Amino acid sequence: MTKLPAVKPKELERVLLKAGFKFVRQKGSHRMYVRGIYKVVVPYHNKDLKSGTLRNILKQANLPPTQLSKIL
């Protein structure tokens, strides 16, 4: 299992947009991004995302953790 770097939601948003996701909507502090059949909800705050949350977001987005490191 790859050790994930500490990532803020703003950095993850940049990765998702470069991967072809489109911002769809925001409800409270959660933003939704869509690419084809993949839907991802990102909690948007000013703290680092927890590793489990980040891992699940990448799994929902069908992105390997190595791609996260490349884009950052």
PDB file of N, CA and C in Angstrom:
ATOM      1  N   MET A   1       0.833  -1.165   0.000  1.00  0.00           N
ATOM      2  CA  MET A   1       0.000   0.000   0.000  1.00  0.00           C
ATOM      3  C   MET A   1       0.889   1.244   0.000  1.00  0.00           C
ATOM      4  N   THR A   2       0.555   2.190  -0.851  1.00  0.00           N
ATOM      5  CA  THR A   2       1.338   3.404  -0.988  1.00  0.00           C
ATOM      6  C   THR A   2       1.005   4.392   0.122  1.00  0.00           C
ATOM      7  N   LYS A   3       2.041   4.986   0.704  1.00  0.00           N
ATOM      8  CA  LYS A   3       1.828   6.024   1.722  1.00  0.00           C
ATOM      9  C   LYS A   3       1.392   7.296   1.006  1.00  0.00           C
ATOM     10  N   LEU A   4       0.245   7.810   1.401  1.00  0.00           N
ATOM     11  CA  LEU A   4      -0.293   9.000   0.754  1.00  0.00           C
ATOM     12  C   LEU A   4       0.247  10.264   1.413  1.00  0.00           C
ATOM     13  N   PRO A   5       0.520  11.298   0.618  1.00  0.00           N
ATOM     14  CA  PRO A   5       0.997  12.554   1.193  1.00  0.00           C
ATOM     15  C   PRO A   5      -0.152  13.311   1.861  1.00  0.00           C
ATOM     16  N   ALA A   6       0.182  14.239   2.736  1.00  0.00           N
ATOM     17  CA  ALA A   6      -0.833  15.105   3.342  1.00  0.00           C
ATOM     18  C   ALA A   6      -1.322  16.065   2.262  1.00  0.00           C
ATOM     19  N   VAL A   7      -2.632  16.081   2.053  1.00  0.00           N
ATOM     20  CA  VAL A   7      -3.208  16.878   0.972  1.00  0.00           C
ATOM     21  C   VAL A   7      -4.366  17.704   1.521  1.00  0.00           C
ATOM     22  N   LYS A   8      -4.398  18.956   1.150  1.00  0.00           N
ATOM     23  CA  LYS A   8      -5.531  19.816   1.495  1.00  0.00           C
ATOM     24  C   LYS A   8      -6.594  19.664   0.400  1.00  0.00           C
ATOM     25  N   PRO A   9      -7.852  19.917   0.719  1.00  0.00           N
ATOM     26  CA  PRO A   9      -8.914  19.779  -0.281  1.00  0.00           C
ATOM     27  C   PRO A   9      -8.678  20.618  -1.537  1.00  0.00           C
ATOM     28  N   LYS A  10      -8.081  21.795  -1.396  1.00  0.00           N
ATOM     29  CA  LYS A  10      -7.813  22.646  -2.561  1.00  0.00           C
ATOM     30  C   LYS A  10      -6.833  21.963  -3.518  1.00  0.00           C
ATOM     31  N   GLU A  11      -5.819  21.273  -2.981  1.00  0.00           N
ATOM     32  CA  GLU A  11      -4.857  20.546  -3.817  1.00  0.00           C
ATOM     33  C   GLU A  11      -5.530  19.352  -4.483  1.00  0.00           C
ATOM     34  N   LEU A  12      -6.389  18.651  -3.740  1.00  0.00           N
ATOM     35  CA  LEU A  12      -7.104  17.511  -4.309  1.00  0.00           C
ATOM     36  C   LEU A  12      -8.044  17.972  -5.414  1.00  0.00           C
ATOM     37  N   GLU A  13      -8.655  19.136  -5.246  1.00  0.00           N
ATOM     38  CA  GLU A  13      -9.527  19.692  -6.279  1.00  0.00           C
ATOM     39  C   GLU A  13      -8.743  19.899  -7.571  1.00  0.00           C
ATOM     40  N   ARG A  14      -7.522  20.423  -7.459  1.00  0.00           N
ATOM     41  CA  ARG A  14      -6.676  20.643  -8.634  1.00  0.00           C
ATOM     42  C   ARG A  14      -6.365  19.319  -9.338  1.00  0.00           C
ATOM     43  N   VAL A  15      -6.098  18.267  -8.552  1.00  0.00           N
ATOM     44  CA  VAL A  15      -5.813  16.941  -9.116  1.00  0.00           C
ATOM     45  C   VAL A  15      -7.038  16.407  -9.851  1.00  0.00           C
ATOM     46  N   LEU A  16      -8.208  16.525  -9.233  1.00  0.00           N
ATOM     47  CA  LEU A  16      -9.432  16.020  -9.854  1.00  0.00           C
ATOM     48  C   LEU A  16      -9.738  16.761 -11.154  1.00  0.00           C
ATOM     49  N   LEU A  17      -9.573  18.080 -11.164  1.00  0.00           N
ATOM     50  CA  LEU A  17      -9.845  18.850 -12.375  1.00  0.00           C
ATOM     51  C   LEU A  17      -8.876  18.477 -13.496  1.00  0.00           C
ATOM     52  N   LYS A  18      -7.609  18.247 -13.170  1.00  0.00           N
ATOM     53  CA  LYS A  18      -6.635  17.823 -14.183  1.00  0.00           C
ATOM     54  C   LYS A  18      -6.931  16.421 -14.690  1.00  0.00           C
ATOM     55  N   ALA A  19      -7.591  15.602 -13.856  1.00  0.00           N
ATOM     56  CA  ALA A  19      -7.936  14.235 -14.251  1.00  0.00           C
ATOM     57  C   ALA A  19      -9.232  14.191 -15.058  1.00  0.00           C
ATOM     58  N   GLY A  20      -9.834  15.345 -15.324  1.00  0.00           N
ATOM     59  CA  GLY A  20     -11.019  15.382 -16.170  1.00  0.00           C
ATOM     60  C   GLY A  20     -12.342  15.498 -15.434  1.00  0.00           C
ATOM     61  N   PHE A  21     -12.313  15.669 -14.132  1.00  0.00           N
ATOM     62  CA  PHE A  21     -13.549  15.828 -13.369  1.00  0.00           C
ATOM     63  C   PHE A  21     -14.060  17.256 -13.515  1.00  0.00           C
ATOM     64  N   LYS A  22     -15.377  17.402 -13.435  1.00  0.00           N
ATOM     65  CA  LYS A  22     -16.023  18.710 -13.503  1.00  0.00           C
ATOM     66  C   LYS A  22     -16.713  18.987 -12.177  1.00  0.00           C
ATOM     67  N   PHE A  23     -16.600  20.227 -11.708  1.00  0.00           N
ATOM     68  CA  PHE A  23     -17.306  20.632 -10.499  1.00  0.00           C
ATOM     69  C   PHE A  23     -18.787  20.720 -10.830  1.00  0.00           C
ATOM     70  N   VAL A  24     -19.633  20.060 -10.016  1.00  0.00           N
ATOM     71  CA  VAL A  24     -21.062  20.032 -10.285  1.00  0.00           C
ATOM     72  C   VAL A  24     -21.828  20.921  -9.317  1.00  0.00           C
ATOM     73  N   ARG A  25     -21.600  20.713  -8.017  1.00  0.00           N
ATOM     74  CA  ARG A  25     -22.362  21.488  -7.043  1.00  0.00           C
ATOM     75  C   ARG A  25     -21.674  21.467  -5.688  1.00  0.00           C
ATOM     76  N   GLN A  26     -22.163  22.325  -4.810  1.00  0.00           N
ATOM     77  CA  GLN A  26     -21.672  22.366  -3.438  1.00  0.00           C
ATOM     78  C   GLN A  26     -22.869  22.439  -2.511  1.00  0.00           C
ATOM     79  N   LYS A  27     -22.809  21.665  -1.441  1.00  0.00           N
ATOM     80  CA  LYS A  27     -23.854  21.706  -0.424  1.00  0.00           C
ATOM     81  C   LYS A  27     -23.150  21.788   0.921  1.00  0.00           C
ATOM     82  N   GLY A  28     -23.238  22.940   1.559  1.00  0.00           N
ATOM     83  CA  GLY A  28     -22.508  23.139   2.806  1.00  0.00           C
ATOM     84  C   GLY A  28     -21.017  23.173   2.531  1.00  0.00           C
ATOM     85  N   SER A  29     -20.272  22.303   3.204  1.00  0.00           N
ATOM     86  CA  SER A  29     -18.818  22.268   3.018  1.00  0.00           C
ATOM     87  C   SER A  29     -18.382  21.068   2.181  1.00  0.00           C
ATOM     88  N   HIS A  30     -19.293  20.496   1.391  1.00  0.00           N
ATOM     89  CA  HIS A  30     -18.969  19.344   0.553  1.00  0.00           C
ATOM     90  C   HIS A  30     -19.172  19.704  -0.916  1.00  0.00           C
ATOM     91  N   ARG A  31     -18.164  19.428  -1.726  1.00  0.00           N
ATOM     92  CA  ARG A  31     -18.228  19.702  -3.161  1.00  0.00           C
ATOM     93  C   ARG A  31     -18.292  18.390  -3.928  1.00  0.00           C
ATOM     94  N   MET A  32     -19.084  18.372  -5.006  1.00  0.00           N
ATOM     95  CA  MET A  32     -19.233  17.165  -5.813  1.00  0.00           C
ATOM     96  C   MET A  32     -18.606  17.386  -7.189  1.00  0.00           C
ATOM     97  N   TYR A  33     -17.843  16.382  -7.623  1.00  0.00           N
ATOM     98  CA  TYR A  33     -17.197  16.386  -8.929  1.00  0.00           C
ATOM     99  C   TYR A  33     -17.630  15.135  -9.679  1.00  0.00           C
ATOM    100  N   VAL A  34     -17.774  15.256 -11.017  1.00  0.00           N
ATOM    101  CA  VAL A  34     -18.249  14.139 -11.827  1.00  0.00           C
ATOM    102  C   VAL A  34     -17.373  13.995 -13.061  1.00  0.00           C
ATOM    103  N   ARG A  35     -17.103  12.736 -13.422  1.00  0.00           N
ATOM    104  CA  ARG A  35     -16.439  12.397 -14.690  1.00  0.00           C
ATOM    105  C   ARG A  35     -17.055  11.092 -15.156  1.00  0.00           C
ATOM    106  N   GLY A  36     -17.890  11.157 -16.185  1.00  0.00           N
ATOM    107  CA  GLY A  36     -18.551   9.945 -16.676  1.00  0.00           C
ATOM    108  C   GLY A  36     -19.432   9.338 -15.601  1.00  0.00           C
ATOM    109  N   ILE A  37     -19.158   8.077 -15.252  1.00  0.00           N
ATOM    110  CA  ILE A  37     -19.964   7.396 -14.232  1.00  0.00           C
ATOM    111  C   ILE A  37     -19.419   7.602 -12.827  1.00  0.00           C
ATOM    112  N   TYR A  38     -18.290   8.279 -12.699  1.00  0.00           N
ATOM    113  CA  TYR A  38     -17.654   8.454 -11.391  1.00  0.00           C
ATOM    114  C   TYR A  38     -18.098   9.762 -10.734  1.00  0.00           C
ATOM    115  N   LYS A  39     -18.605   9.653  -9.496  1.00  0.00           N
ATOM    116  CA  LYS A  39     -19.001  10.819  -8.705  1.00  0.00           C
ATOM    117  C   LYS A  39     -18.152  10.837  -7.441  1.00  0.00           C
ATOM    118  N   VAL A  40     -17.627  11.996  -7.118  1.00  0.00           N
ATOM    119  CA  VAL A  40     -16.760  12.132  -5.949  1.00  0.00           C
ATOM    120  C   VAL A  40     -17.222  13.323  -5.122  1.00  0.00           C
ATOM    121  N   VAL A  41     -17.349  13.116  -3.821  1.00  0.00           N
ATOM    122  CA  VAL A  41     -17.690  14.195  -2.899  1.00  0.00           C
ATOM    123  C   VAL A  41     -16.463  14.473  -2.036  1.00  0.00           C
ATOM    124  N   VAL A  42     -16.051  15.735  -2.015  1.00  0.00           N
ATOM    125  CA  VAL A  42     -14.858  16.134  -1.265  1.00  0.00           C
ATOM    126  C   VAL A  42     -15.266  17.095  -0.148  1.00  0.00           C
ATOM    127  N   PRO A  43     -14.948  16.758   1.112  1.00  0.00           N
ATOM    128  CA  PRO A  43     -15.195  17.718   2.189  1.00  0.00           C
ATOM    129  C   PRO A  43     -14.231  18.891   2.020  1.00  0.00           C
ATOM    130  N   TYR A  44     -14.766  20.094   1.979  1.00  0.00           N
ATOM    131  CA  TYR A  44     -13.945  21.258   1.664  1.00  0.00           C
ATOM    132  C   TYR A  44     -13.748  22.110   2.911  1.00  0.00           C
ATOM    133  N   HIS A  45     -12.556  22.047   3.483  1.00  0.00           N
ATOM    134  CA  HIS A  45     -12.177  22.835   4.651  1.00  0.00           C
ATOM    135  C   HIS A  45     -10.703  23.172   4.529  1.00  0.00           C
ATOM    136  N   ASN A  46     -10.126  23.785   5.527  1.00  0.00           N
ATOM    137  CA  ASN A  46      -8.745  24.253   5.420  1.00  0.00           C
ATOM    138  C   ASN A  46      -7.731  23.319   6.078  1.00  0.00           C
ATOM    139  N   LYS A  47      -8.135  22.108   6.440  1.00  0.00           N
ATOM    140  CA  LYS A  47      -7.229  21.157   7.084  1.00  0.00           C
ATOM    141  C   LYS A  47      -6.823  20.075   6.085  1.00  0.00           C
ATOM    142  N   ASP A  48      -5.750  19.344   6.413  1.00  0.00           N
ATOM    143  CA  ASP A  48      -5.367  18.199   5.592  1.00  0.00           C
ATOM    144  C   ASP A  48      -6.452  17.133   5.675  1.00  0.00           C
ATOM    145  N   LEU A  49      -6.677  16.447   4.543  1.00  0.00           N
ATOM    146  CA  LEU A  49      -7.628  15.337   4.539  1.00  0.00           C
ATOM    147  C   LEU A  49      -7.005  14.155   5.266  1.00  0.00           C
ATOM    148  N   LYS A  50      -7.804  13.421   6.002  1.00  0.00           N
ATOM    149  CA  LYS A  50      -7.304  12.227   6.674  1.00  0.00           C
ATOM    150  C   LYS A  50      -6.976  11.187   5.614  1.00  0.00           C
ATOM    151  N   SER A  51      -6.013  10.318   5.911  1.00  0.00           N
ATOM    152  CA  SER A  51      -5.536   9.361   4.910  1.00  0.00           C
ATOM    153  C   SER A  51      -6.643   8.416   4.455  1.00  0.00           C
ATOM    154  N   GLY A  52      -7.517   7.986   5.358  1.00  0.00           N
ATOM    155  CA  GLY A  52      -8.617   7.095   4.976  1.00  0.00           C
ATOM    156  C   GLY A  52      -9.611   7.786   4.063  1.00  0.00           C
ATOM    157  N   THR A  53      -9.897   9.045   4.348  1.00  0.00           N
ATOM    158  CA  THR A  53     -10.807   9.827   3.510  1.00  0.00           C
ATOM    159  C   THR A  53     -10.207  10.020   2.125  1.00  0.00           C
ATOM    160  N   LEU A  54      -8.935  10.369   2.074  1.00  0.00           N
ATOM    161  CA  LEU A  54      -8.256  10.573   0.798  1.00  0.00           C
ATOM    162  C   LEU A  54      -8.219   9.283  -0.011  1.00  0.00           C
ATOM    163  N   ARG A  55      -7.920   8.170   0.641  1.00  0.00           N
ATOM    164  CA  ARG A  55      -7.867   6.878  -0.045  1.00  0.00           C
ATOM    165  C   ARG A  55      -9.237   6.517  -0.636  1.00  0.00           C
ATOM    166  N   ASN A  56     -10.316   6.762   0.121  1.00  0.00           N
ATOM    167  CA  ASN A  56     -11.656   6.459  -0.373  1.00  0.00           C
ATOM    168  C   ASN A  56     -12.064   7.376  -1.523  1.00  0.00           C
ATOM    169  N   ILE A  57     -11.672   8.641  -1.469  1.00  0.00           N
ATOM    170  CA  ILE A  57     -11.973   9.560  -2.565  1.00  0.00           C
ATOM    171  C   ILE A  57     -11.268   9.098  -3.838  1.00  0.00           C
ATOM    172  N   LEU A  58     -10.002   8.705  -3.724  1.00  0.00           N
ATOM    173  CA  LEU A  58      -9.264   8.223  -4.896  1.00  0.00           C
ATOM    174  C   LEU A  58      -9.884   6.946  -5.444  1.00  0.00           C
ATOM    175  N   LYS A  59     -10.365   6.079  -4.556  1.00  0.00           N
ATOM    176  CA  LYS A  59     -11.014   4.839  -4.989  1.00  0.00           C
ATOM    177  C   LYS A  59     -12.310   5.152  -5.740  1.00  0.00           C
ATOM    178  N   GLN A  60     -13.108   6.095  -5.224  1.00  0.00           N
ATOM    179  CA  GLN A  60     -14.351   6.495  -5.881  1.00  0.00           C
ATOM    180  C   GLN A  60     -14.069   7.132  -7.237  1.00  0.00           C
ATOM    181  N   ALA A  61     -12.962   7.853  -7.342  1.00  0.00           N
ATOM    182  CA  ALA A  61     -12.602   8.536  -8.581  1.00  0.00           C
ATOM    183  C   ALA A  61     -11.897   7.612  -9.564  1.00  0.00           C
ATOM    184  N   ASN A  62     -11.593   6.395  -9.131  1.00  0.00           N
ATOM    185  CA  ASN A  62     -10.874   5.422  -9.955  1.00  0.00           C
ATOM    186  C   ASN A  62      -9.501   5.969 -10.367  1.00  0.00           C
ATOM    187  N   LEU A  63      -8.828   6.622  -9.429  1.00  0.00           N
ATOM    188  CA  LEU A  63      -7.481   7.155  -9.653  1.00  0.00           C
ATOM    189  C   LEU A  63      -6.498   6.403  -8.765  1.00  0.00           C
ATOM    190  N   PRO A  64      -5.387   5.929  -9.324  1.00  0.00           N
ATOM    191  CA  PRO A  64      -4.382   5.277  -8.479  1.00  0.00           C
ATOM    192  C   PRO A  64      -3.648   6.314  -7.627  1.00  0.00           C
ATOM    193  N   PRO A  65      -3.226   5.933  -6.429  1.00  0.00           N
ATOM    194  CA  PRO A  65      -2.502   6.878  -5.561  1.00  0.00           C
ATOM    195  C   PRO A  65      -1.233   7.433  -6.204  1.00  0.00           C
ATOM    196  N   THR A  66      -0.626   6.689  -7.117  1.00  0.00           N
ATOM    197  CA  THR A  66       0.586   7.181  -7.776  1.00  0.00           C
ATOM    198  C   THR A  66       0.287   8.400  -8.644  1.00  0.00           C
ATOM    199  N   GLN A  67      -0.918   8.465  -9.221  1.00  0.00           N
ATOM    200  CA  GLN A  67      -1.277   9.615 -10.053  1.00  0.00           C
ATOM    201  C   GLN A  67      -1.388  10.878  -9.201  1.00  0.00           C
ATOM    202  N   LEU A  68      -1.818  10.716  -7.964  1.00  0.00           N
ATOM    203  CA  LEU A  68      -1.896  11.856  -7.050  1.00  0.00           C
ATOM    204  C   LEU A  68      -0.507  12.458  -6.852  1.00  0.00           C
ATOM    205  N   SER A  69       0.484  11.608  -6.647  1.00  0.00           N
ATOM    206  CA  SER A  69       1.857  12.083  -6.436  1.00  0.00           C
ATOM    207  C   SER A  69       2.413  12.761  -7.681  1.00  0.00           C
ATOM    208  N   LYS A  70       2.073  12.233  -8.866  1.00  0.00           N
ATOM    209  CA  LYS A  70       2.579  12.810 -10.114  1.00  0.00           C
ATOM    210  C   LYS A  70       2.049  14.221 -10.332  1.00  0.00           C
ATOM    211  N   ILE A  71       0.762  14.413 -10.092  1.00  0.00           N
ATOM    212  CA  ILE A  71       0.140  15.707 -10.369  1.00  0.00           C
ATOM    213  C   ILE A  71       0.529  16.746  -9.330  1.00  0.00           C
ATOM    214  N   LEU A  72       0.707  16.305  -8.065  1.00  0.00           N
ATOM    215  CA  LEU A  72       1.107  17.261  -7.026  1.00  0.00           C
ATOM    216  C   LEU A  72       2.544  17.654  -7.263  1.00  0.00           C
TER     217      LEU A  72
END
